[in-house]
Amino acid sequence: MEPPPACNLPAADQRKRLAWIHELNSTALRDYRRERRAIELRYDASAVDLVRTFVRGERNCCPFLGFTVEENGDAVVVRIEVPDDLRHTADELFAPYTAS
């Protein structure tokens, strides 16, 4: 089994990015739901600008993942999908989005 694709960021920038995501999640992530090849992250609506920044950054560093954003009044839902050919790496790829 081959390893998952790597983040496009240099190691130091990747550490900063993960710390930023952790901070966002500790303040605004309300819930998440995991499926086989996807994860849905539900953020408080008050964090919409930060969530948009999060998705924009992730699209740049992880272009092999699919991102969609839906705003529905009280929440901002981010859906991240792993391509079918990378489904065996989904746990590893999603870990940064749910780490405490």
PDB file of N, CA and C in Angstrom:
ATOM      1  N   MET A   1       0.846  -1.176   0.000  1.00  0.00           N
ATOM      2  CA  MET A   1       0.000   0.000   0.000  1.00  0.00           C
ATOM      3  C   MET A   1       0.892   1.240   0.000  1.00  0.00           C
ATOM      4  N   GLU A   2       0.619   2.168  -0.894  1.00  0.00           N
ATOM      5  CA  GLU A   2       1.435   3.364  -0.952  1.00  0.00           C
ATOM      6  C   GLU A   2       0.927   4.405   0.038  1.00  0.00           C
ATOM      7  N   PRO A   3       1.845   5.287   0.505  1.00  0.00           N
ATOM      8  CA  PRO A   3       1.430   6.297   1.478  1.00  0.00           C
ATOM      9  C   PRO A   3       0.506   7.325   0.840  1.00  0.00           C
ATOM     10  N   PRO A   4      -0.240   8.049   1.676  1.00  0.00           N
ATOM     11  CA  PRO A   4      -1.121   9.076   1.125  1.00  0.00           C
ATOM     12  C   PRO A   4      -0.303  10.214   0.533  1.00  0.00           C
ATOM     13  N   PRO A   5      -0.907  10.967  -0.361  1.00  0.00           N
ATOM     14  CA  PRO A   5      -0.201  12.126  -0.906  1.00  0.00           C
ATOM     15  C   PRO A   5       0.180  13.067   0.226  1.00  0.00           C
ATOM     16  N   ALA A   6       1.251  13.760   0.050  1.00  0.00           N
ATOM     17  CA  ALA A   6       1.735  14.662   1.084  1.00  0.00           C
ATOM     18  C   ALA A   6       1.174  16.065   0.887  1.00  0.00           C
ATOM     19  N   CYS A   7       1.137  16.777   1.964  1.00  0.00           N
ATOM     20  CA  CYS A   7       0.764  18.188   1.942  1.00  0.00           C
ATOM     21  C   CYS A   7       1.784  18.943   1.104  1.00  0.00           C
ATOM     22  N   ASN A   8       1.343  19.952   0.398  1.00  0.00           N
ATOM     23  CA  ASN A   8       2.224  20.760  -0.429  1.00  0.00           C
ATOM     24  C   ASN A   8       3.049  21.763   0.367  1.00  0.00           C
ATOM     25  N   LEU A   9       2.795  21.910   1.649  1.00  0.00           N
ATOM     26  CA  LEU A   9       3.490  22.901   2.457  1.00  0.00           C
ATOM     27  C   LEU A   9       4.822  22.376   2.975  1.00  0.00           C
ATOM     28  N   PRO A  10       5.816  23.264   3.145  1.00  0.00           N
ATOM     29  CA  PRO A  10       7.046  22.868   3.837  1.00  0.00           C
ATOM     30  C   PRO A  10       6.704  22.458   5.271  1.00  0.00           C
ATOM     31  N   ALA A  11       7.553  21.644   5.888  1.00  0.00           N
ATOM     32  CA  ALA A  11       7.271  21.080   7.207  1.00  0.00           C
ATOM     33  C   ALA A  11       6.928  22.141   8.257  1.00  0.00           C
ATOM     34  N   ALA A  12       7.688  23.226   8.313  1.00  0.00           N
ATOM     35  CA  ALA A  12       7.424  24.264   9.316  1.00  0.00           C
ATOM     36  C   ALA A  12       6.059  24.908   9.080  1.00  0.00           C
ATOM     37  N   ASP A  13       5.729  25.173   7.830  1.00  0.00           N
ATOM     38  CA  ASP A  13       4.427  25.752   7.515  1.00  0.00           C
ATOM     39  C   ASP A  13       3.297  24.772   7.802  1.00  0.00           C
ATOM     40  N   GLN A  14       3.563  23.504   7.571  1.00  0.00           N
ATOM     41  CA  GLN A  14       2.543  22.487   7.853  1.00  0.00           C
ATOM     42  C   GLN A  14       2.252  22.432   9.349  1.00  0.00           C
ATOM     43  N   ARG A  15       3.269  22.503  10.183  1.00  0.00           N
ATOM     44  CA  ARG A  15       3.052  22.506  11.638  1.00  0.00           C
ATOM     45  C   ARG A  15       2.216  23.714  12.064  1.00  0.00           C
ATOM     46  N   LYS A  16       2.518  24.883  11.489  1.00  0.00           N
ATOM     47  CA  LYS A  16       1.740  26.090  11.799  1.00  0.00           C
ATOM     48  C   LYS A  16       0.292  25.918  11.341  1.00  0.00           C
ATOM     49  N   ARG A  17       0.134  25.339  10.176  1.00  0.00           N
ATOM     50  CA  ARG A  17      -1.210  25.125   9.623  1.00  0.00           C
ATOM     51  C   ARG A  17      -2.017  24.197  10.520  1.00  0.00           C
ATOM     52  N   LEU A  18      -1.411  23.112  10.954  1.00  0.00           N
ATOM     53  CA  LEU A  18      -2.101  22.167  11.837  1.00  0.00           C
ATOM     54  C   LEU A  18      -2.455  22.814  13.175  1.00  0.00           C
ATOM     55  N   ALA A  19      -1.572  23.656  13.687  1.00  0.00           N
ATOM     56  CA  ALA A  19      -1.864  24.364  14.937  1.00  0.00           C
ATOM     57  C   ALA A  19      -3.030  25.324  14.737  1.00  0.00           C
ATOM     58  N   TRP A  20      -3.084  25.984  13.578  1.00  0.00           N
ATOM     59  CA  TRP A  20      -4.176  26.905  13.267  1.00  0.00           C
ATOM     60  C   TRP A  20      -5.499  26.137  13.189  1.00  0.00           C
ATOM     61  N   ILE A  21      -5.481  24.987  12.526  1.00  0.00           N
ATOM     62  CA  ILE A  21      -6.694  24.163  12.419  1.00  0.00           C
ATOM     63  C   ILE A  21      -7.135  23.695  13.801  1.00  0.00           C
ATOM     64  N   HIS A  22      -6.182  23.294  14.615  1.00  0.00           N
ATOM     65  CA  HIS A  22      -6.509  22.857  15.980  1.00  0.00           C
ATOM     66  C   HIS A  22      -7.181  23.996  16.753  1.00  0.00           C
ATOM     67  N   GLU A  23      -6.663  25.207  16.627  1.00  0.00           N
ATOM     68  CA  GLU A  23      -7.251  26.362  17.312  1.00  0.00           C
ATOM     69  C   GLU A  23      -8.667  26.634  16.801  1.00  0.00           C
ATOM     70  N   LEU A  24      -8.847  26.603  15.486  1.00  0.00           N
ATOM     71  CA  LEU A  24     -10.182  26.783  14.912  1.00  0.00           C
ATOM     72  C   LEU A  24     -11.140  25.740  15.465  1.00  0.00           C
ATOM     73  N   ASN A  25     -10.717  24.491  15.459  1.00  0.00           N
ATOM     74  CA  ASN A  25     -11.587  23.417  15.926  1.00  0.00           C
ATOM     75  C   ASN A  25     -11.886  23.518  17.415  1.00  0.00           C
ATOM     76  N   SER A  26     -10.914  23.956  18.196  1.00  0.00           N
ATOM     77  CA  SER A  26     -11.152  24.039  19.643  1.00  0.00           C
ATOM     78  C   SER A  26     -12.138  25.148  19.992  1.00  0.00           C
ATOM     79  N   THR A  27     -12.275  26.138  19.115  1.00  0.00           N
ATOM     80  CA  THR A  27     -13.192  27.235  19.406  1.00  0.00           C
ATOM     81  C   THR A  27     -14.504  27.177  18.632  1.00  0.00           C
ATOM     82  N   ALA A  28     -14.493  26.563  17.446  1.00  0.00           N
ATOM     83  CA  ALA A  28     -15.685  26.676  16.592  1.00  0.00           C
ATOM     84  C   ALA A  28     -16.278  25.348  16.114  1.00  0.00           C
ATOM     85  N   LEU A  29     -15.525  24.255  16.174  1.00  0.00           N
ATOM     86  CA  LEU A  29     -16.059  22.976  15.702  1.00  0.00           C
ATOM     87  C   LEU A  29     -17.107  22.473  16.688  1.00  0.00           C
ATOM     88  N   ARG A  30     -18.302  22.220  16.181  1.00  0.00           N
ATOM     89  CA  ARG A  30     -19.400  21.758  17.030  1.00  0.00           C
ATOM     90  C   ARG A  30     -19.590  20.251  16.965  1.00  0.00           C
ATOM     91  N   ASP A  31     -19.305  19.694  15.814  1.00  0.00           N
ATOM     92  CA  ASP A  31     -19.535  18.263  15.637  1.00  0.00           C
ATOM     93  C   ASP A  31     -18.887  17.836  14.329  1.00  0.00           C
ATOM     94  N   TYR A  32     -18.673  16.542  14.206  1.00  0.00           N
ATOM     95  CA  TYR A  32     -18.259  16.014  12.914  1.00  0.00           C
ATOM     96  C   TYR A  32     -18.855  14.638  12.724  1.00  0.00           C
ATOM     97  N   ARG A  33     -18.985  14.279  11.463  1.00  0.00           N
ATOM     98  CA  ARG A  33     -19.542  12.971  11.107  1.00  0.00           C
ATOM     99  C   ARG A  33     -18.627  12.376  10.053  1.00  0.00           C
ATOM    100  N   ARG A  34     -18.230  11.151  10.281  1.00  0.00           N
ATOM    101  CA  ARG A  34     -17.304  10.475   9.387  1.00  0.00           C
ATOM    102  C   ARG A  34     -18.037   9.415   8.578  1.00  0.00           C
ATOM    103  N   GLU A  35     -17.747   9.381   7.304  1.00  0.00           N
ATOM    104  CA  GLU A  35     -18.218   8.338   6.407  1.00  0.00           C
ATOM    105  C   GLU A  35     -16.982   7.627   5.861  1.00  0.00           C
ATOM    106  N   ARG A  36     -17.190   6.699   4.997  1.00  0.00           N
ATOM    107  CA  ARG A  36     -16.067   5.929   4.475  1.00  0.00           C
ATOM    108  C   ARG A  36     -15.004   6.797   3.799  1.00  0.00           C
ATOM    109  N   ARG A  37     -15.419   7.616   2.829  1.00  0.00           N
ATOM    110  CA  ARG A  37     -14.475   8.442   2.082  1.00  0.00           C
ATOM    111  C   ARG A  37     -14.672   9.926   2.324  1.00  0.00           C
ATOM    112  N   ALA A  38     -15.451  10.272   3.336  1.00  0.00           N
ATOM    113  CA  ALA A  38     -15.739  11.691   3.569  1.00  0.00           C
ATOM    114  C   ALA A  38     -15.874  11.971   5.060  1.00  0.00           C
ATOM    115  N   ILE A  39     -15.710  13.230   5.349  1.00  0.00           N
ATOM    116  CA  ILE A  39     -15.947  13.709   6.704  1.00  0.00           C
ATOM    117  C   ILE A  39     -16.695  15.032   6.584  1.00  0.00           C
ATOM    118  N   GLU A  40     -17.651  15.247   7.462  1.00  0.00           N
ATOM    119  CA  GLU A  40     -18.356  16.519   7.530  1.00  0.00           C
ATOM    120  C   GLU A  40     -18.032  17.178   8.862  1.00  0.00           C
ATOM    121  N   LEU A  41     -17.535  18.384   8.775  1.00  0.00           N
ATOM    122  CA  LEU A  41     -17.185  19.167   9.947  1.00  0.00           C
ATOM    123  C   LEU A  41     -18.227  20.263  10.095  1.00  0.00           C
ATOM    124  N   ARG A  42     -18.860  20.341  11.251  1.00  0.00           N
ATOM    125  CA  ARG A  42     -19.916  21.330  11.488  1.00  0.00           C
ATOM    126  C   ARG A  42     -19.365  22.394  12.442  1.00  0.00           C
ATOM    127  N   TYR A  43     -19.249  23.620  11.907  1.00  0.00           N
ATOM    128  CA  TYR A  43     -18.722  24.750  12.670  1.00  0.00           C
ATOM    129  C   TYR A  43     -19.829  25.714  13.037  1.00  0.00           C
ATOM    130  N   ASP A  44     -19.623  26.431  14.132  1.00  0.00           N
ATOM    131  CA  ASP A  44     -20.542  27.480  14.523  1.00  0.00           C
ATOM    132  C   ASP A  44     -20.566  28.542  13.422  1.00  0.00           C
ATOM    133  N   ALA A  45     -21.750  29.048  13.117  1.00  0.00           N
ATOM    134  CA  ALA A  45     -21.920  30.029  12.040  1.00  0.00           C
ATOM    135  C   ALA A  45     -21.113  31.305  12.274  1.00  0.00           C
ATOM    136  N   SER A  46     -20.836  31.627  13.516  1.00  0.00           N
ATOM    137  CA  SER A  46     -20.069  32.843  13.810  1.00  0.00           C
ATOM    138  C   SER A  46     -18.634  32.768  13.293  1.00  0.00           C
ATOM    139  N   ALA A  47     -18.172  31.584  12.964  1.00  0.00           N
ATOM    140  CA  ALA A  47     -16.800  31.392  12.481  1.00  0.00           C
ATOM    141  C   ALA A  47     -16.720  31.288  10.963  1.00  0.00           C
ATOM    142  N   VAL A  48     -17.746  31.733  10.257  1.00  0.00           N
ATOM    143  CA  VAL A  48     -17.822  31.540   8.816  1.00  0.00           C
ATOM    144  C   VAL A  48     -16.586  32.070   8.084  1.00  0.00           C
ATOM    145  N   ASP A  49     -16.088  33.236   8.460  1.00  0.00           N
ATOM    146  CA  ASP A  49     -14.916  33.783   7.767  1.00  0.00           C
ATOM    147  C   ASP A  49     -13.673  32.923   7.997  1.00  0.00           C
ATOM    148  N   LEU A  50     -13.503  32.455   9.218  1.00  0.00           N
ATOM    149  CA  LEU A  50     -12.372  31.572   9.517  1.00  0.00           C
ATOM    150  C   LEU A  50     -12.505  30.239   8.788  1.00  0.00           C
ATOM    151  N   VAL A  51     -13.716  29.729   8.702  1.00  0.00           N
ATOM    152  CA  VAL A  51     -13.945  28.469   8.001  1.00  0.00           C
ATOM    153  C   VAL A  51     -13.636  28.631   6.514  1.00  0.00           C
ATOM    154  N   ARG A  52     -14.025  29.733   5.939  1.00  0.00           N
ATOM    155  CA  ARG A  52     -13.685  29.980   4.528  1.00  0.00           C
ATOM    156  C   ARG A  52     -12.174  30.047   4.333  1.00  0.00           C
ATOM    157  N   THR A  53     -11.478  30.700   5.266  1.00  0.00           N
ATOM    158  CA  THR A  53     -10.013  30.773   5.215  1.00  0.00           C
ATOM    159  C   THR A  53      -9.418  29.375   5.332  1.00  0.00           C
ATOM    160  N   PHE A  54      -9.968  28.582   6.229  1.00  0.00           N
ATOM    161  CA  PHE A  54      -9.532  27.192   6.420  1.00  0.00           C
ATOM    162  C   PHE A  54      -9.654  26.409   5.115  1.00  0.00           C
ATOM    163  N   VAL A  55     -10.804  26.467   4.484  1.00  0.00           N
ATOM    164  CA  VAL A  55     -11.043  25.697   3.254  1.00  0.00           C
ATOM    165  C   VAL A  55     -10.141  26.190   2.126  1.00  0.00           C
ATOM    166  N   ARG A  56      -9.998  27.495   2.010  1.00  0.00           N
ATOM    167  CA  ARG A  56      -9.128  28.053   0.968  1.00  0.00           C
ATOM    168  C   ARG A  56      -7.695  27.526   1.140  1.00  0.00           C
ATOM    169  N   GLY A  57      -7.206  27.529   2.364  1.00  0.00           N
ATOM    170  CA  GLY A  57      -5.855  27.032   2.639  1.00  0.00           C
ATOM    171  C   GLY A  57      -5.713  25.548   2.366  1.00  0.00           C
ATOM    172  N   GLU A  58      -6.715  24.783   2.757  1.00  0.00           N
ATOM    173  CA  GLU A  58      -6.655  23.336   2.540  1.00  0.00           C
ATOM    174  C   GLU A  58      -6.739  22.983   1.065  1.00  0.00           C
ATOM    175  N   ARG A  59      -7.506  23.720   0.315  1.00  0.00           N
ATOM    176  CA  ARG A  59      -7.566  23.469  -1.133  1.00  0.00           C
ATOM    177  C   ARG A  59      -6.201  23.685  -1.778  1.00  0.00           C
ATOM    178  N   ASN A  60      -5.438  24.654  -1.266  1.00  0.00           N
ATOM    179  CA  ASN A  60      -4.111  24.920  -1.807  1.00  0.00           C
ATOM    180  C   ASN A  60      -3.097  23.861  -1.420  1.00  0.00           C
ATOM    181  N   CYS A  61      -3.127  23.419  -0.172  1.00  0.00           N
ATOM    182  CA  CYS A  61      -2.099  22.475   0.266  1.00  0.00           C
ATOM    183  C   CYS A  61      -2.473  21.018   0.017  1.00  0.00           C
ATOM    184  N   CYS A  62      -3.743  20.734  -0.159  1.00  0.00           N
ATOM    185  CA  CYS A  62      -4.208  19.358  -0.380  1.00  0.00           C
ATOM    186  C   CYS A  62      -5.165  19.310  -1.567  1.00  0.00           C
ATOM    187  N   PRO A  63      -4.683  19.618  -2.761  1.00  0.00           N
ATOM    188  CA  PRO A  63      -5.579  19.716  -3.914  1.00  0.00           C
ATOM    189  C   PRO A  63      -6.208  18.396  -4.345  1.00  0.00           C
ATOM    190  N   PHE A  64      -5.726  17.296  -3.829  1.00  0.00           N
ATOM    191  CA  PHE A  64      -6.281  15.980  -4.172  1.00  0.00           C
ATOM    192  C   PHE A  64      -7.555  15.676  -3.394  1.00  0.00           C
ATOM    193  N   LEU A  65      -7.871  16.482  -2.364  1.00  0.00           N
ATOM    194  CA  LEU A  65      -9.098  16.314  -1.589  1.00  0.00           C
ATOM    195  C   LEU A  65     -10.184  17.212  -2.175  1.00  0.00           C
ATOM    196  N   GLY A  66     -11.439  16.785  -2.042  1.00  0.00           N
ATOM    197  CA  GLY A  66     -12.567  17.589  -2.493  1.00  0.00           C
ATOM    198  C   GLY A  66     -13.195  18.306  -1.310  1.00  0.00           C
ATOM    199  N   PHE A  67     -13.419  19.598  -1.441  1.00  0.00           N
ATOM    200  CA  PHE A  67     -13.994  20.406  -0.365  1.00  0.00           C
ATOM    201  C   PHE A  67     -15.270  21.079  -0.839  1.00  0.00           C
ATOM    202  N   THR A  68     -16.305  20.994  -0.025  1.00  0.00           N
ATOM    203  CA  THR A  68     -17.514  21.770  -0.256  1.00  0.00           C
ATOM    204  C   THR A  68     -17.891  22.451   1.050  1.00  0.00           C
ATOM    205  N   VAL A  69     -18.517  23.604   0.922  1.00  0.00           N
ATOM    206  CA  VAL A  69     -18.930  24.379   2.096  1.00  0.00           C
ATOM    207  C   VAL A  69     -20.402  24.729   1.929  1.00  0.00           C
ATOM    208  N   GLU A  70     -21.142  24.527   3.000  1.00  0.00           N
ATOM    209  CA  GLU A  70     -22.569  24.861   3.005  1.00  0.00           C
ATOM    210  C   GLU A  70     -22.869  25.662   4.264  1.00  0.00           C
ATOM    211  N   GLU A  71     -23.471  26.813   4.074  1.00  0.00           N
ATOM    212  CA  GLU A  71     -23.903  27.629   5.209  1.00  0.00           C
ATOM    213  C   GLU A  71     -25.396  27.423   5.378  1.00  0.00           C
ATOM    214  N   ASN A  72     -25.807  27.063   6.598  1.00  0.00           N
ATOM    215  CA  ASN A  72     -27.238  26.812   6.806  1.00  0.00           C
ATOM    216  C   ASN A  72     -27.747  27.440   8.096  1.00  0.00           C
ATOM    217  N   GLY A  73     -27.604  28.728   8.193  1.00  0.00           N
ATOM    218  CA  GLY A  73     -28.161  29.459   9.335  1.00  0.00           C
ATOM    219  C   GLY A  73     -27.314  29.396  10.575  1.00  0.00           C
ATOM    220  N   ASP A  74     -27.415  28.314  11.317  1.00  0.00           N
ATOM    221  CA  ASP A  74     -26.697  28.220  12.585  1.00  0.00           C
ATOM    222  C   ASP A  74     -25.361  27.499  12.479  1.00  0.00           C
ATOM    223  N   ALA A  75     -24.991  27.035  11.290  1.00  0.00           N
ATOM    224  CA  ALA A  75     -23.749  26.281  11.142  1.00  0.00           C
ATOM    225  C   ALA A  75     -23.149  26.464   9.758  1.00  0.00           C
ATOM    226  N   VAL A  76     -21.868  26.191   9.695  1.00  0.00           N
ATOM    227  CA  VAL A  76     -21.152  26.110   8.426  1.00  0.00           C
ATOM    228  C   VAL A  76     -20.631  24.681   8.358  1.00  0.00           C
ATOM    229  N   VAL A  77     -21.028  23.967   7.317  1.00  0.00           N
ATOM    230  CA  VAL A  77     -20.654  22.561   7.186  1.00  0.00           C
ATOM    231  C   VAL A  77     -19.627  22.422   6.070  1.00  0.00           C
ATOM    232  N   VAL A  78     -18.492  21.851   6.427  1.00  0.00           N
ATOM    233  CA  VAL A  78     -17.432  21.581   5.457  1.00  0.00           C
ATOM    234  C   VAL A  78     -17.404  20.085   5.223  1.00  0.00           C
ATOM    235  N   ARG A  79     -17.525  19.692   3.969  1.00  0.00           N
ATOM    236  CA  ARG A  79     -17.434  18.278   3.596  1.00  0.00           C
ATOM    237  C   ARG A  79     -16.124  18.087   2.850  1.00  0.00           C
ATOM    238  N   ILE A  80     -15.351  17.123   3.316  1.00  0.00           N
ATOM    239  CA  ILE A  80     -14.068  16.812   2.695  1.00  0.00           C
ATOM    240  C   ILE A  80     -14.139  15.380   2.199  1.00  0.00           C
ATOM    241  N   GLU A  81     -13.831  15.188   0.927  1.00  0.00           N
ATOM    242  CA  GLU A  81     -13.894  13.856   0.330  1.00  0.00           C
ATOM    243  C   GLU A  81     -12.530  13.430  -0.191  1.00  0.00           C
ATOM    244  N   VAL A  82     -12.246  12.174   0.029  1.00  0.00           N
ATOM    245  CA  VAL A  82     -11.031  11.548  -0.477  1.00  0.00           C
ATOM    246  C   VAL A  82     -11.380  10.851  -1.792  1.00  0.00           C
ATOM    247  N   PRO A  83     -10.552  11.008  -2.812  1.00  0.00           N
ATOM    248  CA  PRO A  83     -10.831  10.285  -4.058  1.00  0.00           C
ATOM    249  C   PRO A  83     -10.860   8.772  -3.811  1.00  0.00           C
ATOM    250  N   ASP A  84     -11.621   8.078  -4.612  1.00  0.00           N
ATOM    251  CA  ASP A  84     -11.783   6.638  -4.422  1.00  0.00           C
ATOM    252  C   ASP A  84     -10.450   5.894  -4.395  1.00  0.00           C
ATOM    253  N   ASP A  85      -9.506   6.301  -5.232  1.00  0.00           N
ATOM    254  CA  ASP A  85      -8.225   5.592  -5.278  1.00  0.00           C
ATOM    255  C   ASP A  85      -7.374   5.829  -4.033  1.00  0.00           C
ATOM    256  N   LEU A  86      -7.758   6.768  -3.178  1.00  0.00           N
ATOM    257  CA  LEU A  86      -7.033   7.034  -1.933  1.00  0.00           C
ATOM    258  C   LEU A  86      -7.847   6.665  -0.701  1.00  0.00           C
ATOM    259  N   ARG A  87      -8.961   5.968  -0.876  1.00  0.00           N
ATOM    260  CA  ARG A  87      -9.852   5.668   0.248  1.00  0.00           C
ATOM    261  C   ARG A  87      -9.146   4.913   1.375  1.00  0.00           C
ATOM    262  N   HIS A  88      -8.128   4.120   1.037  1.00  0.00           N
ATOM    263  CA  HIS A  88      -7.402   3.364   2.061  1.00  0.00           C
ATOM    264  C   HIS A  88      -6.575   4.278   2.976  1.00  0.00           C
ATOM    265  N   THR A  89      -6.412   5.551   2.608  1.00  0.00           N
ATOM    266  CA  THR A  89      -5.649   6.492   3.422  1.00  0.00           C
ATOM    267  C   THR A  89      -6.539   7.501   4.144  1.00  0.00           C
ATOM    268  N   ALA A  90      -7.842   7.333   4.047  1.00  0.00           N
ATOM    269  CA  ALA A  90      -8.777   8.320   4.601  1.00  0.00           C
ATOM    270  C   ALA A  90      -8.548   8.582   6.090  1.00  0.00           C
ATOM    271  N   ASP A  91      -8.325   7.550   6.886  1.00  0.00           N
ATOM    272  CA  ASP A  91      -8.114   7.758   8.323  1.00  0.00           C
ATOM    273  C   ASP A  91      -6.951   8.708   8.563  1.00  0.00           C
ATOM    274  N   GLU A  92      -5.865   8.468   7.887  1.00  0.00           N
ATOM    275  CA  GLU A  92      -4.674   9.302   8.054  1.00  0.00           C
ATOM    276  C   GLU A  92      -4.912  10.729   7.525  1.00  0.00           C
ATOM    277  N   LEU A  93      -5.578  10.826   6.394  1.00  0.00           N
ATOM    278  CA  LEU A  93      -5.824  12.141   5.806  1.00  0.00           C
ATOM    279  C   LEU A  93      -6.787  12.978   6.651  1.00  0.00           C
ATOM    280  N   PHE A  94      -7.759  12.343   7.298  1.00  0.00           N
ATOM    281  CA  PHE A  94      -8.744  13.072   8.089  1.00  0.00           C
ATOM    282  C   PHE A  94      -8.276  13.352   9.513  1.00  0.00           C
ATOM    283  N   ALA A  95      -7.257  12.681   9.989  1.00  0.00           N
ATOM    284  CA  ALA A  95      -6.805  12.816  11.369  1.00  0.00           C
ATOM    285  C   ALA A  95      -6.562  14.280  11.793  1.00  0.00           C
ATOM    286  N   PRO A  96      -5.911  15.103  10.979  1.00  0.00           N
ATOM    287  CA  PRO A  96      -5.685  16.491  11.410  1.00  0.00           C
ATOM    288  C   PRO A  96      -6.971  17.300  11.609  1.00  0.00           C
ATOM    289  N   TYR A  97      -8.038  16.888  10.981  1.00  0.00           N
ATOM    290  CA  TYR A  97      -9.285  17.641  11.075  1.00  0.00           C
ATOM    291  C   TYR A  97     -10.083  17.298  12.324  1.00  0.00           C
ATOM    292  N   THR A  98      -9.735  16.237  12.999  1.00  0.00           N
ATOM    293  CA  THR A  98     -10.485  15.834  14.190  1.00  0.00           C
ATOM    294  C   THR A  98      -9.601  15.664  15.419  1.00  0.00           C
ATOM    295  N   ALA A  99      -8.311  15.925  15.273  1.00  0.00           N
ATOM    296  CA  ALA A  99      -7.392  15.780  16.407  1.00  0.00           C
ATOM    297  C   ALA A  99      -7.758  16.766  17.498  1.00  0.00           C
ATOM    298  N   SER A 100      -7.659  16.316  18.720  1.00  0.00           N
ATOM    299  CA  SER A 100      -7.972  17.200  19.860  1.00  0.00           C
ATOM    300  C   SER A 100      -6.736  17.889  20.367  1.00  0.00           C
TER     301      SER A 100
END
